[in-house]
Structure formats: structure tokens, C-alpha cells
N, C-alpha and C. Protein backbone atom coordinates (compact mmCIF):
# COMPACT_ATOMS: atom_id res chain seq x y z
N MET A 1 8.90 223.70 154.44
CA MET A 1 9.15 223.73 156.08
C MET A 1 9.60 222.37 156.40
N LYS A 2 10.70 222.18 157.14
CA LYS A 2 11.20 220.95 157.70
C LYS A 2 10.49 220.84 158.95
N VAL A 3 10.15 219.56 159.13
CA VAL A 3 9.51 219.13 160.57
C VAL A 3 10.11 217.81 160.91
N ILE A 4 10.09 217.50 162.20
CA ILE A 4 10.47 216.21 162.78
C ILE A 4 9.31 215.49 163.25
N LEU A 5 8.90 214.44 162.67
CA LEU A 5 7.60 213.68 163.22
C LEU A 5 7.81 213.26 164.65
N ASN A 6 6.71 213.45 165.33
CA ASN A 6 6.70 212.97 166.66
C ASN A 6 5.70 211.72 166.87
N LYS A 7 5.01 211.34 165.93
CA LYS A 7 4.25 210.10 165.75
C LYS A 7 4.28 209.61 164.36
N ASP A 8 3.83 208.35 164.28
CA ASP A 8 3.74 207.71 162.90
C ASP A 8 2.60 208.39 162.20
N LEU A 9 2.62 208.54 160.92
CA LEU A 9 1.55 209.10 160.11
C LEU A 9 1.84 208.50 158.80
N ALA A 10 0.72 207.56 158.44
CA ALA A 10 0.83 206.69 157.40
C ALA A 10 1.12 207.48 156.06
N THR A 11 0.65 208.58 155.77
CA THR A 11 0.86 209.33 154.51
C THR A 11 2.27 210.06 154.46
N LEU A 12 2.79 210.21 155.73
CA LEU A 12 3.96 211.08 155.65
C LEU A 12 5.26 210.40 156.12
N GLY A 13 5.20 209.59 157.22
CA GLY A 13 6.37 208.81 157.62
C GLY A 13 6.16 208.27 158.96
N GLU A 14 7.33 208.05 159.73
CA GLU A 14 7.39 207.34 160.92
C GLU A 14 8.02 208.31 162.02
N GLU A 15 7.77 208.10 163.22
CA GLU A 15 8.24 208.85 164.28
C GLU A 15 9.91 209.03 164.09
N GLY A 16 10.40 210.23 164.28
CA GLY A 16 11.71 210.65 164.26
C GLY A 16 12.23 210.92 162.79
N ASP A 17 11.43 210.76 161.93
CA ASP A 17 11.75 211.12 160.53
C ASP A 17 11.63 212.66 160.21
N VAL A 18 12.63 213.23 159.42
CA VAL A 18 12.73 214.43 159.03
C VAL A 18 12.00 214.70 157.68
N LYS A 19 11.15 215.47 157.61
CA LYS A 19 10.20 215.75 156.39
C LYS A 19 9.96 217.21 155.99
N GLU A 20 9.81 217.38 154.73
CA GLU A 20 9.66 218.77 154.17
C GLU A 20 8.12 218.74 153.90
N VAL A 21 7.41 219.72 154.41
CA VAL A 21 5.91 219.80 154.28
C VAL A 21 5.63 221.24 154.05
N ALA A 22 4.49 221.56 153.52
CA ALA A 22 4.01 223.02 153.33
C ALA A 22 3.74 223.51 154.75
N LYS A 23 4.01 224.91 154.70
CA LYS A 23 3.85 225.65 155.96
C LYS A 23 2.43 225.37 156.66
N GLY A 24 1.43 225.68 155.74
CA GLY A 24 0.00 225.54 156.36
C GLY A 24 -0.23 224.34 156.76
N TYR A 25 0.18 223.19 156.13
CA TYR A 25 -0.01 221.80 156.62
C TYR A 25 0.66 221.64 158.08
N ALA A 26 1.83 222.12 158.12
CA ALA A 26 2.50 222.00 159.53
C ALA A 26 1.80 222.76 160.55
N ARG A 27 1.62 224.16 160.22
CA ARG A 27 0.87 224.88 161.34
C ARG A 27 -0.42 224.54 161.57
N ASN A 28 -1.30 224.19 160.67
CA ASN A 28 -2.67 223.87 160.90
C ASN A 28 -3.07 222.51 161.15
N TYR A 29 -2.24 221.48 160.80
CA TYR A 29 -2.65 220.02 161.13
C TYR A 29 -1.53 219.51 162.09
N LEU A 30 -0.37 219.35 161.60
CA LEU A 30 0.74 218.62 162.30
C LEU A 30 0.98 219.24 163.81
N PHE A 31 1.29 220.53 163.83
CA PHE A 31 1.60 220.98 165.12
C PHE A 31 0.50 220.91 166.17
N PRO A 32 -0.79 221.31 165.87
CA PRO A 32 -1.79 221.40 166.83
C PRO A 32 -2.11 219.90 167.37
N ARG A 33 -1.88 218.99 166.51
CA ARG A 33 -2.14 217.59 166.82
C ARG A 33 -1.12 216.83 167.47
N GLY A 34 0.11 217.39 167.57
CA GLY A 34 1.30 217.07 168.10
C GLY A 34 1.96 215.89 167.30
N ILE A 35 1.61 215.84 166.05
CA ILE A 35 2.14 214.82 165.35
C ILE A 35 3.62 215.20 164.78
N ALA A 36 3.92 216.49 164.68
CA ALA A 36 5.35 216.89 164.43
C ALA A 36 5.71 217.95 165.16
N LEU A 37 7.07 218.31 165.07
CA LEU A 37 7.74 219.18 165.93
C LEU A 37 8.49 220.27 164.94
N PRO A 38 8.80 221.51 165.04
CA PRO A 38 9.49 222.28 164.03
C PRO A 38 10.87 221.70 164.12
N TYR A 39 11.50 221.93 162.97
CA TYR A 39 12.99 221.48 162.91
C TYR A 39 13.72 222.50 163.37
N THR A 40 14.09 222.47 164.52
CA THR A 40 15.22 223.47 165.20
C THR A 40 16.11 222.75 165.96
N PRO A 41 17.29 223.41 166.40
CA PRO A 41 18.30 222.73 167.21
C PRO A 41 17.81 222.16 168.44
N LYS A 42 16.74 222.72 169.17
CA LYS A 42 16.32 222.34 170.32
C LYS A 42 15.49 221.03 170.18
N THR A 43 14.67 220.90 169.14
CA THR A 43 13.84 219.70 168.88
C THR A 43 14.64 218.51 168.36
N ILE A 44 15.85 218.91 167.56
CA ILE A 44 16.73 217.91 167.15
C ILE A 44 17.41 217.18 168.37
N LYS A 45 17.80 217.94 169.32
CA LYS A 45 18.47 217.35 170.52
C LYS A 45 17.41 216.55 171.27
N ILE A 46 16.16 216.89 171.32
CA ILE A 46 15.16 216.16 172.04
C ILE A 46 14.94 214.80 171.36
N ILE A 47 14.75 214.74 170.03
CA ILE A 47 14.70 213.58 169.22
C ILE A 47 15.90 212.70 169.45
N GLU A 48 17.18 213.19 169.39
CA GLU A 48 18.33 212.37 169.45
C GLU A 48 18.37 211.79 170.74
N ALA A 49 17.82 212.50 171.76
CA ALA A 49 17.90 211.73 173.09
C ALA A 49 16.90 210.64 173.13
N LYS A 50 15.88 210.75 172.51
CA LYS A 50 14.86 209.71 172.30
C LYS A 50 15.24 208.57 171.18
N ARG A 51 16.28 208.77 170.31
CA ARG A 51 16.60 207.92 169.37
C ARG A 51 16.43 206.37 169.81
N ALA A 52 17.06 205.94 170.87
CA ALA A 52 17.18 204.77 171.19
C ALA A 52 15.75 204.16 171.50
N GLU A 53 14.83 205.02 172.25
CA GLU A 53 13.58 204.67 172.39
C GLU A 53 12.74 204.39 171.02
N ILE A 54 12.90 205.38 170.27
CA ILE A 54 12.29 205.44 168.95
C ILE A 54 12.54 204.06 168.08
N GLU A 55 13.85 203.65 168.14
CA GLU A 55 14.33 202.52 167.35
C GLU A 55 13.84 201.16 167.95
N ALA A 56 13.66 201.21 169.46
CA ALA A 56 13.19 200.02 170.17
C ALA A 56 11.64 199.75 169.79
N ARG A 57 10.84 200.88 169.76
CA ARG A 57 9.51 200.73 169.44
C ARG A 57 9.36 200.34 167.88
N LYS A 58 10.15 200.84 166.97
CA LYS A 58 10.12 200.49 165.62
C LYS A 58 10.44 199.03 165.47
N GLU A 59 11.49 198.47 166.18
CA GLU A 59 11.84 196.97 166.19
C GLU A 59 10.55 196.15 166.71
N GLN A 60 9.96 196.67 167.84
CA GLN A 60 8.76 195.87 168.32
C GLN A 60 7.75 195.98 167.28
N LYS A 61 7.47 197.00 166.48
CA LYS A 61 6.36 196.95 165.44
C LYS A 61 6.71 196.18 164.35
N ARG A 62 7.98 195.99 164.01
CA ARG A 62 8.49 194.88 162.92
C ARG A 62 8.29 193.55 163.38
N LEU A 63 8.49 193.25 164.63
CA LEU A 63 8.31 191.88 165.19
C LEU A 63 6.81 191.55 165.17
N ASP A 64 5.97 192.53 165.65
CA ASP A 64 4.57 192.27 165.67
C ASP A 64 4.05 192.21 164.26
N ALA A 65 4.50 192.91 163.37
CA ALA A 65 3.95 192.71 161.81
C ALA A 65 4.42 191.46 161.33
N ARG A 66 5.62 190.78 161.75
CA ARG A 66 6.12 189.60 161.24
C ARG A 66 5.05 188.43 161.81
N SER A 67 4.73 188.54 163.13
CA SER A 67 3.83 187.49 163.79
C SER A 67 2.47 187.58 163.14
N ILE A 68 2.10 188.85 162.85
CA ILE A 68 0.67 188.94 162.34
C ILE A 68 0.69 188.46 160.89
N LYS A 69 1.80 188.70 160.24
CA LYS A 69 1.87 188.25 158.77
C LYS A 69 1.83 186.72 158.60
N GLU A 70 2.54 186.11 159.67
CA GLU A 70 2.46 184.51 159.53
C GLU A 70 1.05 184.13 159.81
N LYS A 71 0.32 184.73 160.80
CA LYS A 71 -0.94 184.27 161.02
C LYS A 71 -2.03 184.56 159.92
N LEU A 72 -1.75 185.59 159.30
CA LEU A 72 -2.73 186.06 158.19
C LEU A 72 -2.44 185.23 156.95
N ASP A 73 -1.15 184.87 156.73
CA ASP A 73 -1.00 184.11 155.53
C ASP A 73 -1.54 182.63 155.64
N THR A 74 -1.75 182.31 156.77
CA THR A 74 -2.37 180.82 156.97
C THR A 74 -3.97 181.06 157.25
N LEU A 75 -4.44 182.08 157.42
CA LEU A 75 -5.88 182.37 157.56
C LEU A 75 -6.58 182.35 156.31
N GLU A 76 -7.76 181.53 156.41
CA GLU A 76 -8.74 181.50 155.17
C GLU A 76 -10.10 181.87 155.75
N LEU A 77 -10.43 183.01 155.22
CA LEU A 77 -11.80 183.59 155.74
C LEU A 77 -12.88 183.06 154.71
N SER A 78 -13.98 182.60 155.27
CA SER A 78 -15.21 182.24 154.53
C SER A 78 -16.50 183.13 154.88
N ILE A 79 -16.88 183.97 153.76
CA ILE A 79 -17.86 184.86 154.00
C ILE A 79 -19.17 184.43 153.13
N THR A 80 -20.35 184.31 153.77
CA THR A 80 -21.58 184.10 153.11
C THR A 80 -22.29 185.32 152.84
N MET A 81 -22.58 185.46 151.54
CA MET A 81 -23.40 186.61 151.13
C MET A 81 -24.65 186.15 150.30
N PRO A 82 -25.56 186.97 150.51
CA PRO A 82 -26.71 186.67 149.47
C PRO A 82 -26.42 186.84 148.19
N ALA A 83 -26.77 185.92 147.23
CA ALA A 83 -26.41 185.78 145.88
C ALA A 83 -27.64 185.29 145.02
N GLY A 84 -27.32 185.63 143.68
CA GLY A 84 -28.45 185.23 142.87
C GLY A 84 -28.05 183.65 142.30
N ALA A 85 -28.75 183.09 141.46
CA ALA A 85 -28.56 181.66 141.03
C ALA A 85 -27.20 181.73 140.16
N ASN A 86 -26.93 182.63 139.56
CA ASN A 86 -25.72 182.67 138.64
C ASN A 86 -24.58 183.09 139.51
N GLY A 87 -24.60 183.13 140.86
CA GLY A 87 -23.32 183.28 141.58
C GLY A 87 -23.07 184.96 141.74
N LYS A 88 -23.83 185.79 141.03
CA LYS A 88 -23.58 187.19 141.37
C LYS A 88 -24.17 187.67 142.65
N LEU A 89 -23.24 188.40 143.42
CA LEU A 89 -23.75 188.84 144.74
C LEU A 89 -24.58 189.98 144.66
N TYR A 90 -25.59 190.09 145.71
CA TYR A 90 -26.48 191.38 145.82
C TYR A 90 -25.70 192.14 146.68
N GLY A 91 -24.97 193.06 146.11
CA GLY A 91 -24.01 193.90 146.75
C GLY A 91 -22.64 193.54 146.70
N ALA A 92 -21.59 193.83 147.39
CA ALA A 92 -20.32 193.52 147.09
C ALA A 92 -19.41 193.31 148.36
N VAL A 93 -18.32 192.57 148.23
CA VAL A 93 -17.64 192.39 149.61
C VAL A 93 -16.53 193.56 149.43
N THR A 94 -16.47 194.47 150.33
CA THR A 94 -15.54 195.48 150.25
C THR A 94 -14.43 195.22 151.36
N ASN A 95 -13.45 196.28 151.39
CA ASN A 95 -12.40 196.18 152.48
C ASN A 95 -13.04 196.23 153.83
N GLN A 96 -14.27 196.97 153.96
CA GLN A 96 -14.80 197.28 155.28
C GLN A 96 -15.36 195.80 155.68
N THR A 97 -16.03 194.97 154.75
CA THR A 97 -16.47 193.69 155.03
C THR A 97 -15.21 192.70 155.55
N LEU A 98 -14.13 192.87 154.94
CA LEU A 98 -13.08 192.02 155.24
C LEU A 98 -12.53 192.41 156.65
N ALA A 99 -12.55 193.76 156.88
CA ALA A 99 -11.97 194.23 158.23
C ALA A 99 -12.87 193.66 159.30
N ASP A 100 -14.35 193.80 158.99
CA ASP A 100 -15.17 193.27 160.10
C ASP A 100 -14.92 191.68 160.32
N GLU A 101 -14.75 190.80 159.29
CA GLU A 101 -14.49 189.58 159.21
C GLU A 101 -13.18 189.18 160.15
N LEU A 102 -12.20 190.14 159.87
CA LEU A 102 -10.86 189.87 160.43
C LEU A 102 -10.88 190.27 161.91
N ALA A 103 -11.74 191.19 162.25
CA ALA A 103 -12.00 191.50 163.61
C ALA A 103 -12.76 190.48 164.42
N LYS A 104 -13.66 189.75 163.86
CA LYS A 104 -14.32 188.58 164.33
C LYS A 104 -13.19 187.30 164.61
N ASN A 105 -12.16 187.38 163.93
CA ASN A 105 -11.11 186.42 164.06
C ASN A 105 -10.02 186.94 164.94
N GLY A 106 -10.15 188.20 165.61
CA GLY A 106 -9.10 188.66 166.51
C GLY A 106 -8.19 189.53 165.95
N PHE A 107 -8.22 189.98 164.76
CA PHE A 107 -7.16 191.00 164.13
C PHE A 107 -7.83 192.20 163.89
N GLN A 108 -7.26 193.18 164.66
CA GLN A 108 -7.72 194.58 164.53
C GLN A 108 -6.91 195.29 163.41
N ILE A 109 -7.46 195.31 162.26
CA ILE A 109 -6.79 195.99 161.01
C ILE A 109 -7.93 196.94 160.42
N GLU A 110 -7.15 198.18 160.10
CA GLU A 110 -7.91 199.19 159.56
C GLU A 110 -8.33 198.75 158.23
N ARG A 111 -9.48 199.25 157.76
CA ARG A 111 -9.96 198.94 156.33
C ARG A 111 -8.97 199.52 155.25
N LYS A 112 -8.31 200.56 155.62
CA LYS A 112 -7.44 201.23 154.56
C LYS A 112 -6.26 200.51 154.23
N ARG A 113 -5.99 199.60 155.14
CA ARG A 113 -4.83 198.84 154.94
C ARG A 113 -5.11 197.49 154.32
N ILE A 114 -6.15 197.09 153.99
CA ILE A 114 -6.74 196.04 153.09
C ILE A 114 -7.13 196.37 151.49
N GLU A 115 -6.37 195.77 150.76
CA GLU A 115 -6.45 195.85 149.29
C GLU A 115 -7.22 194.82 148.76
N ILE A 116 -8.29 195.06 147.98
CA ILE A 116 -8.92 194.11 147.10
C ILE A 116 -8.75 194.60 145.76
N THR A 117 -8.54 193.82 144.63
CA THR A 117 -8.33 194.16 143.36
C THR A 117 -9.74 194.61 142.85
N GLY A 118 -9.78 195.66 142.16
CA GLY A 118 -11.05 196.38 141.64
C GLY A 118 -11.80 197.21 142.77
N SER A 119 -12.98 197.17 142.54
CA SER A 119 -13.73 198.00 143.55
C SER A 119 -14.40 197.15 144.63
N GLY A 120 -14.11 195.92 144.61
CA GLY A 120 -14.80 195.07 145.41
C GLY A 120 -15.02 193.60 144.76
N ILE A 121 -15.29 192.62 145.52
CA ILE A 121 -15.69 191.36 145.09
C ILE A 121 -17.22 191.25 144.91
N LYS A 122 -17.46 190.93 143.60
CA LYS A 122 -19.08 190.91 143.21
C LYS A 122 -19.64 189.56 142.79
N ASN A 123 -18.72 188.55 142.81
CA ASN A 123 -19.16 187.25 142.54
C ASN A 123 -18.68 186.21 143.53
N THR A 124 -19.30 185.01 143.68
CA THR A 124 -18.76 184.06 144.36
C THR A 124 -17.50 183.42 143.96
N GLY A 125 -16.77 182.83 144.96
CA GLY A 125 -15.52 182.09 144.46
C GLY A 125 -14.36 182.39 145.50
N LYS A 126 -13.23 182.08 145.02
CA LYS A 126 -11.98 182.28 145.92
C LYS A 126 -11.26 183.42 145.46
N TYR A 127 -10.77 184.26 146.50
CA TYR A 127 -10.06 185.44 146.09
C TYR A 127 -8.85 185.60 147.13
N LYS A 128 -8.07 186.70 146.76
CA LYS A 128 -6.98 186.95 147.62
C LYS A 128 -7.02 188.51 147.90
N ALA A 129 -6.80 188.86 149.25
CA ALA A 129 -6.72 190.24 149.72
C ALA A 129 -5.40 190.58 150.23
N VAL A 130 -4.85 191.58 149.98
CA VAL A 130 -3.44 192.02 150.60
C VAL A 130 -3.77 192.89 151.70
N VAL A 131 -3.20 192.50 152.68
CA VAL A 131 -3.24 193.38 153.98
C VAL A 131 -1.79 193.95 154.26
N LYS A 132 -1.69 195.30 154.18
CA LYS A 132 -0.35 196.09 154.29
C LYS A 132 -0.29 196.11 155.89
N LEU A 133 0.98 195.79 156.34
CA LEU A 133 1.37 195.79 157.59
C LEU A 133 2.42 196.89 157.88
N TYR A 134 3.29 196.77 158.83
CA TYR A 134 4.22 197.75 159.00
C TYR A 134 5.44 197.77 158.05
N GLU A 135 5.75 198.92 157.70
CA GLU A 135 6.75 199.33 156.66
C GLU A 135 6.32 198.67 155.29
N ASN A 136 7.27 197.76 154.65
CA ASN A 136 6.98 197.12 153.38
C ASN A 136 6.40 195.81 153.52
N GLN A 137 6.05 195.36 154.77
CA GLN A 137 5.47 193.97 154.94
C GLN A 137 4.07 193.91 154.56
N SER A 138 3.66 192.92 153.98
CA SER A 138 2.23 192.77 153.74
C SER A 138 1.85 191.17 153.61
N ALA A 139 0.60 190.91 153.97
CA ALA A 139 0.23 189.52 153.95
C ALA A 139 -0.97 189.41 152.88
N GLU A 140 -1.07 188.09 152.50
CA GLU A 140 -2.16 187.66 151.73
C GLU A 140 -3.15 186.86 152.39
N VAL A 141 -4.37 187.15 152.30
CA VAL A 141 -5.29 186.50 153.07
C VAL A 141 -6.37 185.71 151.89
N SER A 142 -6.58 184.52 152.17
CA SER A 142 -7.45 183.71 151.25
C SER A 142 -8.90 184.15 151.67
N VAL A 143 -9.78 184.48 150.75
CA VAL A 143 -11.10 184.69 151.03
C VAL A 143 -12.00 183.92 150.03
N THR A 144 -12.87 183.18 150.71
CA THR A 144 -13.88 182.34 150.03
C THR A 144 -15.30 183.00 150.25
N ILE A 145 -15.96 183.32 148.94
CA ILE A 145 -17.27 183.91 149.14
C ILE A 145 -18.20 182.81 148.79
N ILE A 146 -19.08 182.51 149.60
CA ILE A 146 -20.19 181.59 149.38
C ILE A 146 -21.46 182.32 149.12
N GLY A 147 -22.16 181.83 148.15
CA GLY A 147 -23.35 182.35 147.87
C GLY A 147 -24.56 181.89 148.48
N GLN A 148 -25.43 182.58 149.14
CA GLN A 148 -26.64 182.17 149.86
C GLN A 148 -27.79 182.60 148.96
N GLU A 149 -28.37 181.58 148.28
CA GLU A 149 -29.42 181.89 147.31
C GLU A 149 -30.68 182.35 148.12
N ILE A 150 -31.26 183.33 147.76
CA ILE A 150 -32.58 183.97 148.56
C ILE A 150 -33.67 183.31 147.67
N LYS A 151 -34.58 182.67 148.24
CA LYS A 151 -35.78 182.14 147.75
C LYS A 151 -36.77 183.39 147.49
N THR A 152 -37.30 183.54 146.20
CA THR A 152 -38.22 184.41 145.98
C THR A 152 -39.36 183.92 145.52
N GLU A 153 -40.50 184.26 146.03
CA GLU A 153 -41.86 183.74 145.65
C GLU A 153 -42.25 184.31 144.21
N ALA A 154 -43.09 183.52 143.51
CA ALA A 154 -43.54 184.09 142.23
C ALA A 154 -44.35 185.47 142.51
N PRO A 155 -44.32 186.42 141.64
CA PRO A 155 -44.98 187.59 141.84
C PRO A 155 -46.61 187.28 141.97
N ALA A 156 -47.11 187.79 142.94
CA ALA A 156 -48.46 187.69 143.18
C ALA A 156 -49.30 188.55 142.17
N LYS A 157 -50.60 188.11 141.89
CA LYS A 157 -51.30 188.96 141.09
C LYS A 157 -51.74 190.13 141.86
N PRO A 158 -51.65 191.35 141.15
CA PRO A 158 -51.82 192.49 141.86
C PRO A 158 -53.41 192.79 142.24
N ALA A 159 -53.55 193.33 143.32
CA ALA A 159 -54.92 193.50 143.82
C ALA A 159 -55.54 194.60 142.94
N PRO A 160 -56.78 194.32 142.51
CA PRO A 160 -57.46 195.34 141.62
C PRO A 160 -57.58 196.61 142.33
N ARG A 161 -57.60 197.66 141.45
CA ARG A 161 -57.53 199.14 142.05
C ARG A 161 -58.98 199.26 142.54
N LYS A 162 -59.19 200.21 143.56
CA LYS A 162 -60.38 200.59 144.04
C LYS A 162 -60.85 201.78 143.18
N GLY A 163 -62.06 201.83 142.81
CA GLY A 163 -62.41 203.04 142.09
C GLY A 163 -63.71 202.68 141.18
N ARG A 164 -64.51 203.67 140.69
CA ARG A 164 -65.75 203.43 140.13
C ARG A 164 -65.59 202.68 138.82
N ARG A 165 -64.71 202.85 138.08
CA ARG A 165 -64.49 202.21 136.81
C ARG A 165 -64.21 200.77 137.09
N ASN A 166 -63.23 200.34 137.88
CA ASN A 166 -62.82 199.07 138.23
C ASN A 166 -63.96 198.33 138.74
N GLU A 167 -64.69 198.81 139.78
CA GLU A 167 -65.82 198.14 140.32
C GLU A 167 -67.00 197.73 139.27
N ARG A 168 -67.24 198.81 138.41
CA ARG A 168 -68.09 198.52 137.29
C ARG A 168 -67.70 197.44 136.38
N PHE A 169 -66.39 197.37 136.00
CA PHE A 169 -65.86 196.46 135.01
C PHE A 169 -65.55 194.99 135.74
N ASP A 170 -65.27 195.16 136.92
CA ASP A 170 -64.91 193.85 137.57
C ASP A 170 -66.30 193.01 137.81
N ASN A 171 -67.31 193.73 137.94
CA ASN A 171 -68.70 193.09 138.07
C ASN A 171 -69.38 192.97 136.89
N LYS A 172 -68.92 192.41 135.71
CA LYS A 172 -69.38 192.25 134.61
C LYS A 172 -70.80 191.76 134.57
N GLU A 173 -70.94 190.63 135.32
CA GLU A 173 -72.24 189.84 135.39
C GLU A 173 -73.22 190.74 136.00
N GLU A 174 -73.00 191.64 136.95
CA GLU A 174 -73.95 192.54 137.58
C GLU A 174 -74.41 193.57 136.55
N VAL A 175 -73.34 193.98 135.71
CA VAL A 175 -73.70 194.95 134.60
C VAL A 175 -74.64 194.46 133.65
N LYS A 176 -74.47 193.20 133.26
CA LYS A 176 -75.29 192.61 132.18
C LYS A 176 -76.62 192.43 132.82
N GLU A 177 -76.85 191.97 134.02
CA GLU A 177 -78.25 191.86 134.61
C GLU A 177 -78.84 193.17 134.84
N GLU A 178 -77.98 194.30 135.01
CA GLU A 178 -78.63 195.60 135.08
C GLU A 178 -79.27 195.92 133.65
N THR A 179 -78.49 195.87 132.72
CA THR A 179 -79.02 196.13 131.42
C THR A 179 -80.09 195.28 130.91
N GLN A 180 -80.16 194.07 131.29
CA GLN A 180 -81.36 193.26 130.96
C GLN A 180 -82.54 193.47 131.77
N ALA A 181 -82.43 193.78 133.20
CA ALA A 181 -83.43 193.94 134.04
C ALA A 181 -84.62 194.82 133.72
N PRO A 182 -84.19 196.17 133.15
CA PRO A 182 -85.33 197.10 132.83
C PRO A 182 -86.21 196.53 131.67
N ALA A 183 -85.72 195.72 130.60
CA ALA A 183 -86.45 195.26 129.72
C ALA A 183 -87.54 194.31 130.30
N SER A 184 -87.19 193.48 131.32
CA SER A 184 -88.15 192.45 131.86
C SER A 184 -89.02 193.15 132.79
N ASP A 185 -88.86 194.24 133.26
CA ASP A 185 -89.60 194.91 134.26
C ASP A 185 -90.89 195.74 133.41
N GLN A 186 -90.70 195.85 132.20
CA GLN A 186 -91.78 196.71 131.46
C GLN A 186 -92.81 195.63 131.28
N PRO A 187 -94.03 196.20 131.24
CA PRO A 187 -95.17 195.36 130.93
C PRO A 187 -95.11 194.87 129.33
N ALA A 188 -95.48 193.82 129.19
CA ALA A 188 -95.43 193.20 127.82
C ALA A 188 -96.51 194.02 127.01
N GLU A 189 -96.38 194.17 125.94
CA GLU A 189 -97.35 194.95 124.96
C GLU A 189 -98.51 194.01 124.62
N GLN A 190 -99.76 194.55 124.86
CA GLN A 190 -100.87 193.66 124.53
C GLN A 190 -101.19 193.71 123.03
N GLU A 191 -101.58 192.56 122.78
CA GLU A 191 -101.86 192.48 121.25
C GLU A 191 -103.38 193.02 121.18
N ALA A 192 -103.64 193.71 120.18
CA ALA A 192 -104.93 194.13 119.86
C ALA A 192 -105.64 193.53 118.97
């Protein structure tokens, strides 16, 4: 089924594009949300009338993407994470972590648009992350991961368990006195 996109949809296309999609996808998802319109002569005329508006919005998005790209290419993020003595992180730096750090620096970028090689950064060091912007534009962000060593205390001696057996064996001196006491309480045998 042919549809005309009424809004940008990352997985499908941009506003004004004509796409071929499954009927169920169009009827159950795209049409109810206002993302697309059916491909009919009436909707074609509506979109053609808006074509100049659509192109102006696309050009504005391109300009915004270029300015963001310039800023992101010069940006160097520094993230402090808890790590072990060997530099291995307790956890990982994911695209969500980077999206949060970018938000702190004034960039509102979805985590889906941030790509990190592998499943995340798991060691301290310097890395590059790719941020996908509008159309085929992308920016590289330098990320430095600093390890914050967590001080751990030596494991403490476990407390003795409570119970009859432990109480009896923990007090060995008392046990020895108890075994010796009855012998001293008995009267000494008299010699005849």
C-alpha cells in the first residue's frame, strides 16, 4: 500500500516522501497517529501545496544539523565511573550514559542516535562515539573515561554463629573447667 508521510519517521522516511508499506502497518499505526496519509489524488494535491513549506523545514533541519555537528566535533566529554585497580569499570558506559552527559552540556540527543562500538565501554581510556544527525550527517564525540577507584576494606572476621554447639566450643576454657570440677568436688578417698 502506498502512503505519503505527513511527519518524519526515522525507520521509514521524511515528511513528503511516498513509501510502500504493509496495509496493516498503515491502518493500525501510521494513519491513527497522523504519521502518514493514504496515497490518493486528493492527498497528493495537499502535499504538493505544502511542498515549499516542507522543503523549507528540511533545509532548516540541515542547517541545525550542521551547527550541532560543528559543536559536537569539538566537544570532549569526560566521564568519571567507579573502576577497579586494573581500569575495568564496574558496569559500562552505554549510549544512555552518553545521552545524559550530552544533556548536561546542552545537547538534547536521543540515545538511539548515539553509536558506541560493541555493547558499551567497559574500560577506562579514550573513545569515540558517533552521533547520527539529520539525513546522512553524523558527528564524532571524544569520550574520556576516568576510573574512580573504590576503596574496599579488608573483609572482617565473620561473627560467630549463635547456637548451642558454637557456644559450647567457643568457651573451651569453661568446658575444661566443667570436666575437671566434678573430680575436685568429690571427697578424697581415705586411706585405711
